[in-house]
């Protein structure tokens, strides 16, 4: 009978040690739980069963993952800007309040956001919306070596450049000199 009680006592201490390690990472709580079962045997085991953490670390981790997945799923769901009810990404209008959410493509009929310039599905450029000016069309830019210099519109003498002292003491800077064809007065900063 004594051997049976000693074996049961050792088994309960070992079981409490393994169980508390699965339920908490705090070393102080682990030591206290094992000592309670070690010193008080069956009543200590009953106290341990009453006071031990309800969930294991793995169960708490799985539960937190489930909660994060649910929160992410709720955040990913779109809502109508007017009535705040859930809508799908491919809705053209809100089925509850009939607010226009997107417009259909003229070519493939896929829903297009109002901010898009062209359909990403078929490549068709959207026409400008009513009440909004025409979109600027980007003309192809020629290579810089091909651009010819423009002719001046009126004949004017080039402005000669003279060197003036920099106001911050950093040497010389270019400043246009006054010519007879200039109408504006010239202020000389060096005087």
C-alpha atoms as a PDB file:
ATOM      1  CA  UNK A   1       0.000   0.000   0.000  1.00  0.00           C
ATOM      2  CA  UNK A   2       2.898   2.347   0.829  1.00  0.00           C
ATOM      3  CA  UNK A   3       4.555   1.659  -2.535  1.00  0.00           C
ATOM      4  CA  UNK A   4       1.236   2.409  -4.294  1.00  0.00           C
ATOM      5  CA  UNK A   5       0.862   5.735  -2.409  1.00  0.00           C
ATOM      6  CA  UNK A   6       4.483   6.719  -3.126  1.00  0.00           C
ATOM      7  CA  UNK A   7       4.031   5.880  -6.830  1.00  0.00           C
ATOM      8  CA  UNK A   8       0.772   7.882  -6.923  1.00  0.00           C
ATOM      9  CA  UNK A   9       2.456  10.798  -5.147  1.00  0.00           C
ATOM     10  CA  UNK A  10       5.413  10.817  -7.604  1.00  0.00           C
ATOM     11  CA  UNK A  11       3.037  10.492 -10.573  1.00  0.00           C
ATOM     12  CA  UNK A  12       0.918  13.449  -9.345  1.00  0.00           C
ATOM     13  CA  UNK A  13       4.024  15.625  -8.869  1.00  0.00           C
ATOM     14  CA  UNK A  14       5.296  14.714 -12.347  1.00  0.00           C
ATOM     15  CA  UNK A  15       1.834  15.287 -13.879  1.00  0.00           C
ATOM     16  CA  UNK A  16       1.526  18.693 -12.150  1.00  0.00           C
ATOM     17  CA  UNK A  17       4.986  19.659 -13.436  1.00  0.00           C
ATOM     18  CA  UNK A  18       4.106  18.741 -17.041  1.00  0.00           C
ATOM     19  CA  UNK A  19       0.647  20.317 -16.825  1.00  0.00           C
ATOM     20  CA  UNK A  20       1.784  23.665 -15.397  1.00  0.00           C
ATOM     21  CA  UNK A  21       4.551  23.949 -18.012  1.00  0.00           C
ATOM     22  CA  UNK A  22       1.875  23.699 -20.732  1.00  0.00           C
ATOM     23  CA  UNK A  23      -0.253  26.406 -19.070  1.00  0.00           C
ATOM     24  CA  UNK A  24       2.224  29.151 -18.148  1.00  0.00           C
ATOM     25  CA  UNK A  25       5.760  30.317 -18.877  1.00  0.00           C
ATOM     26  CA  UNK A  26       6.200  32.004 -15.482  1.00  0.00           C
ATOM     27  CA  UNK A  27       8.864  29.987 -13.591  1.00  0.00           C
ATOM     28  CA  UNK A  28       7.656  31.136 -10.152  1.00  0.00           C
ATOM     29  CA  UNK A  29       4.126  29.840 -10.737  1.00  0.00           C
ATOM     30  CA  UNK A  30       5.557  26.583 -12.092  1.00  0.00           C
ATOM     31  CA  UNK A  31       7.688  26.036  -8.969  1.00  0.00           C
ATOM     32  CA  UNK A  32       4.835  26.947  -6.575  1.00  0.00           C
ATOM     33  CA  UNK A  33       2.400  24.543  -8.304  1.00  0.00           C
ATOM     34  CA  UNK A  34       4.853  21.637  -8.149  1.00  0.00           C
ATOM     35  CA  UNK A  35       5.698  22.374  -4.487  1.00  0.00           C
ATOM     36  CA  UNK A  36       2.004  22.487  -3.503  1.00  0.00           C
ATOM     37  CA  UNK A  37       1.454  19.001  -4.973  1.00  0.00           C
ATOM     38  CA  UNK A  38       4.786  17.763  -3.577  1.00  0.00           C
ATOM     39  CA  UNK A  39       4.142  18.838   0.025  1.00  0.00           C
ATOM     40  CA  UNK A  40       0.366  18.408   0.334  1.00  0.00           C
ATOM     41  CA  UNK A  41      -0.120  15.314  -1.881  1.00  0.00           C
ATOM     42  CA  UNK A  42      -3.870  14.790  -2.674  1.00  0.00           C
ATOM     43  CA  UNK A  43      -5.207  18.008  -1.096  1.00  0.00           C
ATOM     44  CA  UNK A  44      -2.399  19.910  -2.853  1.00  0.00           C
ATOM     45  CA  UNK A  45      -3.367  18.280  -6.142  1.00  0.00           C
ATOM     46  CA  UNK A  46      -7.006  19.335  -5.658  1.00  0.00           C
ATOM     47  CA  UNK A  47      -5.917  22.905  -4.859  1.00  0.00           C
ATOM     48  CA  UNK A  48      -3.723  22.877  -7.968  1.00  0.00           C
ATOM     49  CA  UNK A  49      -6.654  21.682 -10.126  1.00  0.00           C
ATOM     50  CA  UNK A  50      -8.818  24.507  -8.779  1.00  0.00           C
ATOM     51  CA  UNK A  51      -6.223  27.278  -9.197  1.00  0.00           C
ATOM     52  CA  UNK A  52      -4.428  26.274 -12.398  1.00  0.00           C
ATOM     53  CA  UNK A  53      -4.910  28.383 -15.568  1.00  0.00           C
ATOM     54  CA  UNK A  54      -7.927  27.266 -17.564  1.00  0.00           C
ATOM     55  CA  UNK A  55      -6.257  27.113 -20.983  1.00  0.00           C
ATOM     56  CA  UNK A  56      -2.907  25.879 -22.158  1.00  0.00           C
ATOM     57  CA  UNK A  57      -0.473  28.168 -23.955  1.00  0.00           C
ATOM     58  CA  UNK A  58      -1.222  26.389 -27.262  1.00  0.00           C
ATOM     59  CA  UNK A  59      -4.988  26.875 -26.792  1.00  0.00           C
ATOM     60  CA  UNK A  60      -4.507  30.572 -26.016  1.00  0.00           C
ATOM     61  CA  UNK A  61      -2.315  30.965 -29.104  1.00  0.00           C
ATOM     62  CA  UNK A  62      -4.874  29.227 -31.335  1.00  0.00           C
ATOM     63  CA  UNK A  63      -7.650  31.370 -29.882  1.00  0.00           C
ATOM     64  CA  UNK A  64      -5.686  34.577 -30.513  1.00  0.00           C
ATOM     65  CA  UNK A  65      -5.063  33.473 -34.112  1.00  0.00           C
ATOM     66  CA  UNK A  66      -8.786  32.841 -34.592  1.00  0.00           C
ATOM     67  CA  UNK A  67      -9.624  36.263 -33.153  1.00  0.00           C
ATOM     68  CA  UNK A  68      -7.083  37.974 -35.405  1.00  0.00           C
ATOM     69  CA  UNK A  69      -8.457  36.141 -38.442  1.00  0.00           C
ATOM     70  CA  UNK A  70     -12.005  37.222 -37.570  1.00  0.00           C
ATOM     71  CA  UNK A  71     -10.917  40.828 -37.047  1.00  0.00           C
ATOM     72  CA  UNK A  72      -9.015  40.820 -40.339  1.00  0.00           C
ATOM     73  CA  UNK A  73     -12.038  39.401 -42.121  1.00  0.00           C
ATOM     74  CA  UNK A  74     -14.256  42.120 -40.656  1.00  0.00           C
ATOM     75  CA  UNK A  75     -11.771  44.837 -41.641  1.00  0.00           C
ATOM     76  CA  UNK A  76     -11.488  43.491 -45.187  1.00  0.00           C
ATOM     77  CA  UNK A  77     -15.211  43.743 -45.790  1.00  0.00           C
ATOM     78  CA  UNK A  78     -16.193  46.867 -47.674  1.00  0.00           C
ATOM     79  CA  UNK A  79     -18.969  49.172 -46.500  1.00  0.00           C
ATOM     80  CA  UNK A  80     -21.205  51.592 -48.397  1.00  0.00           C
ATOM     81  CA  UNK A  81     -20.072  55.195 -47.774  1.00  0.00           C
ATOM     82  CA  UNK A  82     -23.692  56.324 -47.350  1.00  0.00           C
ATOM     83  CA  UNK A  83     -25.519  53.646 -45.327  1.00  0.00           C
ATOM     84  CA  UNK A  84     -22.421  51.791 -43.947  1.00  0.00           C
ATOM     85  CA  UNK A  85     -23.840  48.356 -44.842  1.00  0.00           C
ATOM     86  CA  UNK A  86     -21.606  45.611 -46.169  1.00  0.00           C
ATOM     87  CA  UNK A  87     -21.028  45.497 -49.891  1.00  0.00           C
ATOM     88  CA  UNK A  88     -18.961  43.352 -52.209  1.00  0.00           C
ATOM     89  CA  UNK A  89     -16.027  44.721 -54.153  1.00  0.00           C
ATOM     90  CA  UNK A  90     -17.737  44.142 -57.492  1.00  0.00           C
ATOM     91  CA  UNK A  91     -21.019  45.977 -56.701  1.00  0.00           C
ATOM     92  CA  UNK A  92     -21.858  48.890 -59.002  1.00  0.00           C
ATOM     93  CA  UNK A  93     -24.524  50.292 -56.649  1.00  0.00           C
ATOM     94  CA  UNK A  94     -25.360  49.677 -53.001  1.00  0.00           C
ATOM     95  CA  UNK A  95     -28.337  47.286 -52.875  1.00  0.00           C
ATOM     96  CA  UNK A  96     -29.663  49.002 -49.729  1.00  0.00           C
ATOM     97  CA  UNK A  97     -29.534  52.726 -50.531  1.00  0.00           C
ATOM     98  CA  UNK A  98     -28.800  52.668 -54.303  1.00  0.00           C
ATOM     99  CA  UNK A  99     -25.660  54.811 -53.967  1.00  0.00           C
ATOM    100  CA  UNK A 100     -23.467  54.517 -57.060  1.00  0.00           C
ATOM    101  CA  UNK A 101     -20.238  52.859 -55.970  1.00  0.00           C
ATOM    102  CA  UNK A 102     -18.535  52.176 -59.288  1.00  0.00           C
ATOM    103  CA  UNK A 103     -19.211  52.484 -62.986  1.00  0.00           C
ATOM    104  CA  UNK A 104     -19.203  49.639 -65.526  1.00  0.00           C
ATOM    105  CA  UNK A 105     -16.545  49.480 -68.224  1.00  0.00           C
ATOM    106  CA  UNK A 106     -17.913  50.194 -71.703  1.00  0.00           C
ATOM    107  CA  UNK A 107     -16.012  47.278 -73.165  1.00  0.00           C
ATOM    108  CA  UNK A 108     -15.903  44.431 -70.621  1.00  0.00           C
ATOM    109  CA  UNK A 109     -18.593  45.643 -68.141  1.00  0.00           C
ATOM    110  CA  UNK A 110     -16.307  45.066 -65.129  1.00  0.00           C
ATOM    111  CA  UNK A 111     -16.749  47.543 -62.239  1.00  0.00           C
ATOM    112  CA  UNK A 112     -14.341  50.484 -62.378  1.00  0.00           C
ATOM    113  CA  UNK A 113     -13.520  52.906 -59.598  1.00  0.00           C
ATOM    114  CA  UNK A 114     -14.273  56.527 -60.372  1.00  0.00           C
ATOM    115  CA  UNK A 115     -10.625  57.449 -59.741  1.00  0.00           C
ATOM    116  CA  UNK A 116      -9.296  55.117 -62.454  1.00  0.00           C
ATOM    117  CA  UNK A 117      -8.339  56.564 -65.841  1.00  0.00           C
ATOM    118  CA  UNK A 118      -8.479  53.256 -67.741  1.00  0.00           C
ATOM    119  CA  UNK A 119      -9.935  49.786 -67.262  1.00  0.00           C
ATOM    120  CA  UNK A 120      -7.292  47.461 -65.783  1.00  0.00           C
ATOM    121  CA  UNK A 121      -9.049  44.430 -67.274  1.00  0.00           C
ATOM    122  CA  UNK A 122      -9.339  45.374 -70.957  1.00  0.00           C
ATOM    123  CA  UNK A 123      -7.192  48.546 -71.200  1.00  0.00           C
ATOM    124  CA  UNK A 124      -9.961  50.806 -72.546  1.00  0.00           C
ATOM    125  CA  UNK A 125      -9.572  54.429 -71.482  1.00  0.00           C
ATOM    126  CA  UNK A 126     -12.548  55.806 -69.582  1.00  0.00           C
ATOM    127  CA  UNK A 127     -14.356  58.865 -70.937  1.00  0.00           C
ATOM    128  CA  UNK A 128     -14.265  61.941 -68.684  1.00  0.00           C
ATOM    129  CA  UNK A 129     -17.097  62.165 -66.158  1.00  0.00           C
ATOM    130  CA  UNK A 130     -19.844  64.724 -66.539  1.00  0.00           C
ATOM    131  CA  UNK A 131     -19.097  68.019 -64.833  1.00  0.00           C
ATOM    132  CA  UNK A 132     -15.377  67.307 -64.823  1.00  0.00           C
ATOM    133  CA  UNK A 133     -13.020  68.814 -67.362  1.00  0.00           C
ATOM    134  CA  UNK A 134     -11.263  66.656 -69.922  1.00  0.00           C
ATOM    135  CA  UNK A 135      -8.280  64.707 -68.695  1.00  0.00           C
ATOM    136  CA  UNK A 136      -4.930  65.884 -69.927  1.00  0.00           C
ATOM    137  CA  UNK A 137      -3.637  63.549 -72.590  1.00  0.00           C
ATOM    138  CA  UNK A 138       0.048  62.886 -72.400  1.00  0.00           C
ATOM    139  CA  UNK A 139       1.610  63.296 -75.787  1.00  0.00           C
ATOM    140  CA  UNK A 140       4.609  61.119 -76.550  1.00  0.00           C
ATOM    141  CA  UNK A 141       7.778  63.015 -75.713  1.00  0.00           C
ATOM    142  CA  UNK A 142      10.442  63.085 -78.446  1.00  0.00           C
ATOM    143  CA  UNK A 143      13.991  62.202 -77.589  1.00  0.00           C
ATOM    144  CA  UNK A 144      15.972  65.297 -76.410  1.00  0.00           C
ATOM    145  CA  UNK A 145      18.491  64.995 -79.246  1.00  0.00           C
ATOM    146  CA  UNK A 146      15.688  65.282 -81.834  1.00  0.00           C
ATOM    147  CA  UNK A 147      14.168  68.520 -80.481  1.00  0.00           C
ATOM    148  CA  UNK A 148      14.985  71.493 -82.714  1.00  0.00           C
ATOM    149  CA  UNK A 149      15.592  74.882 -81.106  1.00  0.00           C
ATOM    150  CA  UNK A 150      12.602  77.219 -81.248  1.00  0.00           C
ATOM    151  CA  UNK A 151      12.850  80.483 -83.198  1.00  0.00           C
ATOM    152  CA  UNK A 152      12.532  83.649 -81.144  1.00  0.00           C
ATOM    153  CA  UNK A 153       9.190  85.400 -81.594  1.00  0.00           C
ATOM    154  CA  UNK A 154      10.600  88.925 -81.687  1.00  0.00           C
ATOM    155  CA  UNK A 155      14.030  90.183 -82.375  1.00  0.00           C
ATOM    156  CA  UNK A 156      15.792  91.399 -79.290  1.00  0.00           C
ATOM    157  CA  UNK A 157      19.415  91.762 -78.500  1.00  0.00           C
ATOM    158  CA  UNK A 158      20.793  89.210 -76.044  1.00  0.00           C
ATOM    159  CA  UNK A 159      21.383  90.550 -72.560  1.00  0.00           C
ATOM    160  CA  UNK A 160      25.094  90.680 -71.740  1.00  0.00           C
ATOM    161  CA  UNK A 161      26.069  89.033 -68.490  1.00  0.00           C
ATOM    162  CA  UNK A 162      28.393  90.703 -65.996  1.00  0.00           C
ATOM    163  CA  UNK A 163      29.881  89.294 -62.835  1.00  0.00           C
ATOM    164  CA  UNK A 164      28.600  90.674 -59.520  1.00  0.00           C
ATOM    165  CA  UNK A 165      29.685  89.908 -55.991  1.00  0.00           C
ATOM    166  CA  UNK A 166      27.508  87.392 -54.172  1.00  0.00           C
ATOM    167  CA  UNK A 167      25.533  88.925 -51.292  1.00  0.00           C
ATOM    168  CA  UNK A 168      26.550  85.999 -49.045  1.00  0.00           C
ATOM    169  CA  UNK A 169      30.240  86.338 -49.775  1.00  0.00           C
ATOM    170  CA  UNK A 170      30.477  83.177 -51.824  1.00  0.00           C
ATOM    171  CA  UNK A 171      32.291  84.582 -54.812  1.00  0.00           C
ATOM    172  CA  UNK A 172      30.855  85.788 -58.093  1.00  0.00           C
ATOM    173  CA  UNK A 173      27.398  85.217 -59.545  1.00  0.00           C
ATOM    174  CA  UNK A 174      25.922  85.995 -62.936  1.00  0.00           C
ATOM    175  CA  UNK A 175      23.681  89.057 -63.152  1.00  0.00           C
ATOM    176  CA  UNK A 176      22.225  90.549 -66.302  1.00  0.00           C
ATOM    177  CA  UNK A 177      23.578  93.968 -67.227  1.00  0.00           C
ATOM    178  CA  UNK A 178      21.288  96.768 -68.325  1.00  0.00           C
ATOM    179  CA  UNK A 179      20.928  97.345 -72.049  1.00  0.00           C
ATOM    180  CA  UNK A 180      19.331 100.101 -74.018  1.00  0.00           C
ATOM    181  CA  UNK A 181      16.399  97.869 -74.978  1.00  0.00           C
ATOM    182  CA  UNK A 182      15.372  97.079 -71.386  1.00  0.00           C
ATOM    183  CA  UNK A 183      12.508  99.160 -70.062  1.00  0.00           C
ATOM    184  CA  UNK A 184      12.848  98.170 -66.381  1.00  0.00           C
ATOM    185  CA  UNK A 185      15.185 100.032 -64.035  1.00  0.00           C
ATOM    186  CA  UNK A 186      18.265  98.160 -62.893  1.00  0.00           C
ATOM    187  CA  UNK A 187      19.181  98.076 -59.217  1.00  0.00           C
ATOM    188  CA  UNK A 188      22.838  97.556 -58.573  1.00  0.00           C
ATOM    189  CA  UNK A 189      23.408  95.581 -55.351  1.00  0.00           C
ATOM    190  CA  UNK A 190      27.165  96.186 -55.254  1.00  0.00           C
ATOM    191  CA  UNK A 191      26.942  99.855 -54.332  1.00  0.00           C
END
